[in-house]
Structure formats: C-alpha cells, structure tokens
Protein backbone atom coordinates (compact mmCIF):
# COMPACT_ATOMS: atom_id res chain seq x y z
CA MET A 1 0.00 0.00 0.00
CA THR A 2 2.89 2.35 0.86
CA THR A 3 4.55 1.71 -2.53
CA ALA A 4 1.26 2.39 -4.32
CA LEU A 5 0.90 5.70 -2.50
CA LEU A 6 4.46 6.65 -3.44
CA LEU A 7 3.79 6.00 -7.13
CA PHE A 8 0.29 7.49 -7.18
CA PRO A 9 1.34 11.14 -7.89
CA ASP A 10 3.47 10.06 -10.86
CA PHE A 11 0.79 7.88 -12.43
CA ALA A 12 -1.83 10.55 -11.71
CA LEU A 13 0.34 13.04 -13.61
CA ILE A 14 0.62 10.58 -16.51
CA LEU A 15 -3.17 10.12 -16.59
CA LEU A 16 -3.66 13.90 -16.49
CA GLY A 17 -1.35 14.31 -19.47
CA ALA A 18 -3.23 11.59 -21.38
CA ALA A 19 -6.57 13.32 -20.65
CA ILE A 20 -5.21 16.71 -21.79
CA ARG A 21 -3.89 15.16 -25.00
CA ARG A 22 -7.21 13.42 -25.70
CA TRP A 23 -9.63 16.28 -25.06
CA MET A 24 -7.71 19.53 -25.56
CA HIS A 25 -6.35 18.73 -29.08
CA LEU A 26 -3.10 20.68 -28.63
CA GLY A 27 -1.34 18.96 -31.53
CA ASP A 28 1.84 16.90 -31.83
CA HIS A 29 4.05 20.00 -32.13
CA PHE A 30 3.02 21.05 -28.60
CA TRP A 31 3.86 17.66 -27.06
CA ASN A 32 7.17 17.47 -28.95
CA GLY A 33 8.11 20.82 -27.43
CA VAL A 34 7.06 19.71 -23.93
CA GLU A 35 9.11 16.52 -24.28
CA LYS A 36 12.22 18.48 -25.31
CA LEU A 37 11.67 20.95 -22.44
CA VAL A 38 11.51 18.13 -19.88
CA TYR A 39 14.36 16.03 -21.31
CA PHE A 40 16.89 18.75 -22.12
CA ILE A 41 16.14 21.45 -19.48
CA LEU A 42 14.00 20.36 -16.52
CA PHE A 43 15.45 16.86 -16.11
CA PRO A 44 19.13 18.01 -16.11
CA ALA A 45 18.22 20.91 -13.84
CA LEU A 46 16.70 18.47 -11.31
CA LEU A 47 19.83 16.30 -11.32
CA ILE A 48 22.27 19.22 -11.13
CA ASN A 49 20.34 20.87 -8.30
CA ALA A 50 20.29 17.64 -6.27
CA ILE A 51 23.97 16.86 -6.92
CA VAL A 52 25.09 20.38 -5.96
CA LYS A 53 23.17 20.20 -2.66
CA THR A 54 24.47 16.70 -1.76
CA ARG A 55 27.97 15.57 -0.88
CA LEU A 56 28.68 12.38 -2.83
CA ASP A 57 31.37 9.86 -1.87
CA LEU A 58 32.28 7.93 -5.00
CA GLY A 59 34.17 5.33 -3.01
CA ALA A 60 31.14 4.59 -0.86
CA ALA A 61 28.94 4.56 -3.96
CA LEU A 62 30.91 1.79 -5.74
CA PRO A 63 28.97 -1.08 -4.08
CA LEU A 64 25.73 0.60 -5.06
CA LEU A 65 26.89 0.96 -8.68
CA GLY A 66 28.03 -2.67 -8.66
CA THR A 67 24.60 -3.73 -7.47
CA ALA A 68 22.96 -1.72 -10.27
CA PHE A 69 25.23 -3.29 -12.92
CA ALA A 70 24.56 -6.76 -11.50
CA ALA A 71 20.80 -6.14 -11.64
CA MET A 72 21.07 -5.05 -15.28
CA ALA A 73 23.20 -8.08 -16.15
CA GLY A 74 20.65 -10.37 -14.48
CA GLY A 75 17.90 -8.70 -16.48
CA MET A 76 19.81 -9.32 -19.69
CA LEU A 77 20.23 -13.00 -18.87
CA LEU A 78 16.54 -13.34 -18.00
CA GLY A 79 15.68 -11.53 -21.22
CA LEU A 80 17.42 -14.28 -23.19
CA LEU A 81 15.20 -17.04 -21.75
CA PRO A 82 12.22 -16.54 -24.15
CA LYS A 83 14.57 -17.29 -27.06
CA PHE A 84 15.00 -20.87 -25.80
CA VAL A 85 11.42 -21.41 -24.58
CA VAL A 86 9.19 -20.11 -27.38
CA LYS A 87 9.82 -18.99 -30.93
CA LEU A 88 9.10 -15.28 -31.18
CA PRO A 89 9.30 -12.83 -34.10
CA PRO A 90 12.53 -10.79 -34.03
CA LEU A 91 10.79 -7.48 -33.16
CA THR A 92 8.80 -9.06 -30.31
CA PHE A 93 11.90 -10.74 -28.91
CA ALA A 94 13.84 -7.47 -29.11
CA SER A 95 11.14 -5.65 -27.13
CA LEU A 96 11.04 -8.34 -24.43
CA PHE A 97 14.84 -8.42 -24.21
CA GLN A 98 15.09 -4.64 -23.67
CA CYS A 99 12.34 -4.72 -21.04
CA GLY A 100 14.55 -7.09 -19.04
CA TYR A 101 17.36 -4.64 -18.29
CA ARG A 102 16.20 -1.09 -19.13
CA PHE A 103 14.62 0.90 -16.31
CA ASN A 104 12.41 4.00 -16.13
CA SER A 105 14.59 6.86 -14.90
CA TYR A 106 11.64 9.18 -14.19
CA ILE A 107 9.87 6.71 -11.90
CA ALA A 108 13.13 5.80 -10.16
CA LEU A 109 13.98 9.46 -9.50
CA ALA A 110 10.46 10.18 -8.27
CA VAL A 111 10.50 7.29 -5.77
CA ALA A 112 14.03 8.16 -4.60
CA GLY A 113 13.04 11.80 -4.12
CA MET A 114 9.93 10.91 -2.11
CA LEU A 115 11.82 8.47 0.13
CA PHE A 116 15.12 10.30 0.68
CA GLY A 117 14.72 13.83 -0.71
CA ALA A 118 17.62 15.55 -2.51
CA PRO A 119 20.23 12.92 -1.44
CA GLY A 120 18.07 10.18 -2.95
CA ILE A 121 17.73 12.11 -6.23
CA ALA A 122 21.50 12.71 -6.34
CA THR A 123 22.30 9.04 -5.69
CA MET A 124 19.80 7.86 -8.28
CA GLY A 125 21.20 10.43 -10.71
CA LEU A 126 24.65 8.88 -10.22
CA ILE A 127 23.20 5.46 -11.08
CA VAL A 128 21.47 6.89 -14.17
CA VAL A 129 24.72 8.53 -15.36
CA ALA A 130 26.63 5.26 -14.94
CA ALA A 131 23.98 2.78 -16.13
CA VAL A 132 22.33 4.53 -19.09
CA PRO A 133 25.50 4.49 -21.28
CA LEU A 134 25.75 0.76 -20.57
CA ALA A 135 22.10 0.09 -21.36
CA GLU A 136 21.70 2.15 -24.53
CA PRO A 137 24.28 0.59 -26.86
CA VAL A 138 23.38 -3.03 -26.03
CA PRO A 139 21.79 -4.46 -29.20
CA ALA A 140 19.08 -7.03 -28.93
CA PRO A 141 20.45 -10.39 -30.16
CA GLU A 142 18.75 -11.57 -33.28
CA PRO A 143 18.47 -15.17 -34.37
CA VAL A 144 21.02 -15.99 -37.07
CA ALA A 145 19.69 -17.97 -39.98
CA ALA A 146 21.68 -20.93 -41.17
CA PRO A 147 23.76 -20.13 -44.29
CA GLU A 148 22.28 -21.44 -47.48
CA PRO A 149 24.51 -23.62 -49.65
CA ALA A 150 26.02 -21.73 -52.54
CA PRO A 151 24.66 -22.77 -55.92
CA ALA A 152 26.94 -24.83 -58.13
CA PRO A 153 28.72 -22.79 -60.80
CA VAL A 154 27.18 -23.07 -64.22
CA PRO A 155 29.56 -22.94 -67.17
CA VAL A 156 28.92 -19.94 -69.36
CA PRO A 157 30.00 -19.99 -72.97
CA ALA A 158 32.47 -17.26 -73.90
CA ALA A 159 30.92 -14.35 -75.71
CA PRO A 160 32.30 -13.19 -79.04
CA ALA A 161 35.01 -10.60 -78.70
CA ALA A 162 33.19 -8.00 -80.74
CA ALA A 163 29.89 -8.34 -78.90
CA ALA A 164 29.05 -5.59 -76.39
CA PRO A 165 28.11 -6.66 -72.82
CA ALA A 166 24.37 -6.94 -72.28
CA PRO A 167 22.95 -4.26 -69.94
CA THR A 168 21.97 -5.49 -66.50
CA THR A 169 18.72 -4.45 -64.83
CA GLU A 170 17.88 -4.47 -61.14
CA ALA A 171 14.50 -4.95 -59.55
CA ALA A 172 12.67 -1.68 -58.97
CA ARG A 173 12.62 -0.43 -55.37
CA THR A 174 9.48 1.19 -54.02
CA VAL A 175 9.71 3.82 -51.27
CA ALA A 176 6.43 4.70 -49.55
CA LEU A 177 5.80 8.38 -48.83
CA HIS A 178 3.45 9.49 -46.10
CA ALA A 179 1.72 12.74 -45.25
CA GLU A 180 -0.53 14.05 -42.51
CA ASP A 181 -3.99 15.54 -42.99
CA LEU A 182 -5.90 17.74 -40.60
CA VAL A 183 -8.85 15.97 -39.00
CA ALA A 184 -11.49 18.12 -37.30
CA ALA A 185 -13.34 16.85 -34.23
CA LYS A 186 -16.28 18.84 -32.91
CA ARG A 187 -17.56 19.09 -29.35
CA GLU A 188 -20.37 21.16 -27.92
CA VAL A 189 -19.27 23.99 -25.62
CA PRO A 190 -21.16 26.94 -24.04
CA THR A 191 -20.68 30.13 -26.06
CA GLY A 192 -22.61 32.65 -23.95
CA VAL A 193 -25.60 33.35 -21.71
CA VAL A 194 -28.58 35.60 -22.47
CA LYS A 195 -30.23 37.11 -19.38
CA VAL A 196 -33.84 38.29 -19.75
CA HIS A 197 -34.97 40.79 -17.14
CA LYS A 198 -38.60 41.63 -16.40
CA LYS A 199 -39.10 44.97 -14.62
CA VAL A 200 -42.05 47.11 -13.55
CA VAL A 201 -42.46 50.43 -15.35
CA VAL A 202 -44.71 53.16 -13.85
CA ASP A 203 -46.80 55.15 -16.35
CA ASN A 204 -49.13 58.14 -15.80
CA ALA A 205 -52.63 57.03 -16.78
CA SER A 206 -55.93 58.98 -17.00
CA LEU A 207 -59.53 57.91 -17.25
CA ASP A 208 -62.65 60.01 -18.04
CA VAL A 209 -65.59 59.18 -15.74
CA ASP A 210 -69.13 60.73 -15.86
CA VAL A 211 -70.43 61.75 -12.38
CA TYR A 212 -73.50 63.69 -11.27
CA GLU A 213 -74.02 66.38 -8.65
CA GLU A 214 -77.20 68.15 -7.42
CA LYS A 215 -77.72 71.90 -7.71
CA LEU A 216 -80.46 73.93 -5.93
CA THR A 217 -83.15 75.31 -8.16
CA VAL A 218 -85.77 77.84 -7.00
CA ASN A 219 -89.16 78.31 -8.65
CA ARG A 220 -91.37 81.07 -7.23
CA THR A 221 -95.07 81.29 -8.04
CA GLU A 222 -97.02 84.51 -7.40
CA LEU A 223 -100.40 84.04 -5.58
CA ASN A 224 -103.14 86.47 -4.63
CA ASP A 225 -105.26 84.55 -2.13
CA ASP A 226 -107.30 86.03 0.69
CA VAL A 227 -105.95 85.50 4.13
CA VAL A 228 -107.94 82.85 5.80
CA ASP A 229 -106.54 83.46 9.27
CA PRO A 230 -106.48 87.12 10.17
CA ASN A 231 -104.33 86.33 13.19
CA TYR A 232 -101.42 84.66 11.18
CA ALA A 233 -98.14 85.42 12.79
CA PHE A 234 -95.17 86.01 10.57
CA GLU A 235 -92.04 84.03 11.44
CA GLU A 236 -88.48 83.66 10.28
CA GLY A 237 -86.54 80.42 9.90
CA VAL A 238 -83.76 78.49 8.15
CA PHE A 239 -84.49 75.55 5.92
CA GLU A 240 -81.76 73.01 5.05
CA ILE A 241 -81.88 71.10 1.82
CA GLU A 242 -79.28 68.37 1.33
CA LEU A 243 -77.56 68.28 -2.05
CA ARG A 244 -75.93 65.00 -3.21
CA GLY A 245 -73.46 64.10 -5.89
CA GLU A 246 -70.94 61.39 -6.97
CA GLU A 247 -67.20 61.29 -6.42
CA VAL A 248 -64.66 59.02 -8.14
CA GLU A 249 -62.73 56.44 -6.17
CA VAL A 250 -59.64 55.31 -8.10
CA GLY A 251 -58.88 51.59 -8.04
CA LYS A 252 -56.70 49.26 -10.12
CA ARG A 253 -57.19 45.88 -11.69
CA VAL A 254 -54.62 43.58 -13.30
CA ARG A 255 -55.08 42.33 -16.81
CA ARG A 256 -52.80 40.44 -19.21
CA ILE A 257 -51.60 42.57 -22.11
CA GLY A 258 -49.42 40.07 -23.95
CA GLN A 259 -46.89 37.25 -23.72
CA VAL A 260 -43.30 36.68 -24.92
CA GLU A 261 -41.99 33.31 -26.03
CA PHE A 262 -38.25 32.50 -25.91
CA GLY A 263 -36.57 29.91 -28.04
CA LYS A 264 -33.16 29.00 -29.48
CA GLU A 265 -32.31 28.77 -33.14
CA ARG A 266 -29.25 26.81 -34.30
CA GLN A 267 -27.26 28.47 -37.07
CA THR A 268 -24.37 26.91 -38.96
CA ARG A 269 -21.25 28.86 -39.79
CA THR A 270 -17.94 27.85 -41.34
CA GLN A 271 -14.90 28.09 -39.07
CA ARG A 272 -11.41 27.68 -40.45
CA VAL A 273 -8.90 25.80 -38.32
CA THR A 274 -5.18 25.69 -39.02
CA GLY A 275 -2.42 23.39 -37.94
CA GLN A 276 0.94 22.03 -38.98
CA THR A 277 1.12 18.80 -40.94
CA ARG A 278 4.11 16.75 -41.97
CA ARG A 279 4.84 14.95 -45.21
CA GLU A 280 7.71 12.96 -46.59
CA GLU A 281 9.68 13.89 -49.68
CA LEU A 282 12.62 12.32 -51.47
CA GLU A 283 15.86 14.10 -52.31
CA PHE A 284 18.42 12.63 -54.66
CA ASP A 285 22.18 13.00 -54.16
CA GLU A 286 24.14 11.32 -56.91
CA GLU A 287 27.81 10.67 -56.09
CA PRO A 288 30.00 9.04 -58.75
CA TYR A 289 32.55 6.42 -57.76
CA GLY A 290 36.27 6.98 -58.04
CA GLY A 291 36.65 10.72 -57.75
CA SER A 292 34.95 14.11 -57.70
CA THR A 293 32.46 15.33 -60.24
CA THR A 294 33.83 17.54 -62.96
C-alpha cells in the first residue's frame, strides 16, 4: 500500500497528461516541445540541483553501482530465456529483451526523491549517469539464420570478342511516402448566456368618468289669495336642503396585455482551423565512384 501511494502522484500526472492530450487537441508540435523541455532542461536541472546540494562519496557509492550493474546483467540474462522457450518474431523478442534490463529513470527518481529527498535524487542520478551508457548501446540479439549452400557454378559460354556486354537491370525499389492531414473533431461547448430581465415600469394614466351632482333650483309662483286666518303670525326660519353628488374612487385591476416566447435557433457557420502537418519527400544526391564530379 505504501509503494502504491508513493507512485500514485506520478501515475496521476501521466493520466492527467493523457486526458489533456485526448480532449484539448493541442497537436503533436506542442507535445514534442514539452518533451524536449523536460528532457533537455528540466530533467538536467533536477539532477544538477540535487547533486550540488548533496555531498557524494564515489568510493562509498561503488557497491551501489556494482549492485545496479549486476541487476542489469541479471535482467539481460533473464531476457534471453524466451529465445530458448518459445519462438518469437525478431521485433517481439527485441522488445522483451530490452524490457529485461532497461529501467524507467523518471519513476526511479520520483521514488528516490519521495523516500530520501535531494540525497536520494542525487544518488539515483549517479546510477542513471553510470547505467544509461551501458544500457543504450546493447543491441538485442537476433536469431542468425543458417547459411544457405552456394549454388553450383554453371559454365557460361564465352561471348564473341566484338559483342558488347548486355545491360543489366535491377528490380525496382518502391519507397512509400506518407503525409498528414488535418482531422477536425467537434464538441459542444457553451458560447454565452442571455439574461432576460422583467421589470415594472410606472406610467401616468388617466380615465374620463361621468359623475352627477345636485344643484339647488328655486321656482317662485305669485299668488293672490285672501288670508284665511287674520291672526297669522309672521315668522323667520332656516331651511336646510341636502344636495348630493358622486365622487370618483380610483382603483386598479390587473389584466394580461401580452406574452413573450423565448426559443433557441441553431445556425451553422464555417470556421477555419489551421495546424501544422508533416509529409515525406525524397531528395536525390548522386555521387559518382572513383573521384569528384567535374
């Protein structure tokens, strides 16, 4: 479990890189640049920084280097076993043979750094410097085919002296040329958001309403009657007559004045994408035998 936890960050970083390559479509030129940046700048900087900060004793490191060389030699011997057990194609056997003794420097440095810090990275860097030159030039042994018996010489009659030698022809050789094409992959992404706001607007409104009101009218009629009661007493007084009318009370009612429907319409447009592609070409350099061209 502890070993799995030590290796988890490295494999998680590898999976993250694979996901970025799959879904971000950055192109091979980007990854080639990243690989060169790591191999030629960041990787040497990590080793140099660890070696500078750590005091190395080459004498004490010799047993460690001997152990590393012995492990590689054992891997080479184990890599030869499939040749005697099963019959494999040459390319398959070469791959299995190299897997027996070649190691992953990045994983080894990561584990050494997590376990022992800068001294671990410096020590592992010393092993890498000593072991990689030994591992790289080792060729994978290939099975040697048994030599075929040479055909018996066939007597050829001598040609006439005046006859010119017949021209010889060789079988035509075909060289395949390859090229890259751009391939477009589409994925749906959000391009924007439309926000629709509904707000209340206050307007000044007016309404004409018919109302009534009462006004006092006076109609006087002249009479000339005889007084029936000679003792009638004159009197003064105040009469009140109530006048009525209508007044307007303003109220409000809600009614629907319309509706708005929202929808989305898909439109197609042409977008041009660019990228770098590679192709193979042939160049011809003719060099005559036996001297320079004049």
